[in-house]
Amino acid sequence: MTLPCALLVLAVAGPPADLAAVGIVASRDPAHSVALLRSGGRTRLVAVGDTAFGGRVAAIGAGLVALEFEGRRVDLRLSAEAASPLAAARATSRAESDPNARVLQRRDVEKRLGEEAPRILAETTLMPALDSGRVAGFTLTRVPENSLLTDAGLRAGDVLTQINDTPIDSMATLIALWPRLQNESTLRAIVLRNGQPVSLTVSLR
């Protein structure tokens, strides 16, 4: 094999140069751990066994994600950006209530989440929304149709700025919210839609 060909093979088999872990939720059960990976302006939420950005997720631990690229293991440590999130929040006192507040059955939500999680993880994409150089939320650039996300009122193009009074100022914040929301009976999100703040509420019965 010539040198140029060898270099090409290595380039294809290796990870993207800007691939980074921007958030990790490590569970006692490794099967329930998740991580957020970012590359090329795209963000993916992954679990062990998933494929993303050309590699397969081999392990997720506290502060580290291991991926395999054609048999080569690459360890990604939590980025400094995620470890030290910028404080940024938009005022939400002007948010108008969504007239279509949702009421969902918790049992149905849990069942659907188990069924739809792979599609939601694969088809949902997020991009940081900056305000004066700081993360002020995340734009949902793609949302799977007829999913729990759309049933909750989210749309492609929405900028998610707050969940249950917590400003979404980093991927780490967004991921850390997940376990805290498990037992909540009301979920309230503030999004910017067409430049206007909108409040979305889901009540779980």
Foldseek 3Di string as FASTA:
>chain_A
DDPVVVVVVCVLQDAPPPKAWAAWDDDPPLQPIWTWIDDPQKIFIDGQQDDDRQWGFHGGDVQWTWTGRPNDIDIHGHDPCNVDFDDAEDDCPQADEDPCAAEEAPVVLVVQCVVCVVVQRVFWIWGFDDDPRFGQFIAGQTGDPPGPCVVQPDDHGKGWQDKPRHGCRGVHVVVVCVVVCSPDQKIWTWIQDPNGTYIGMYGYD
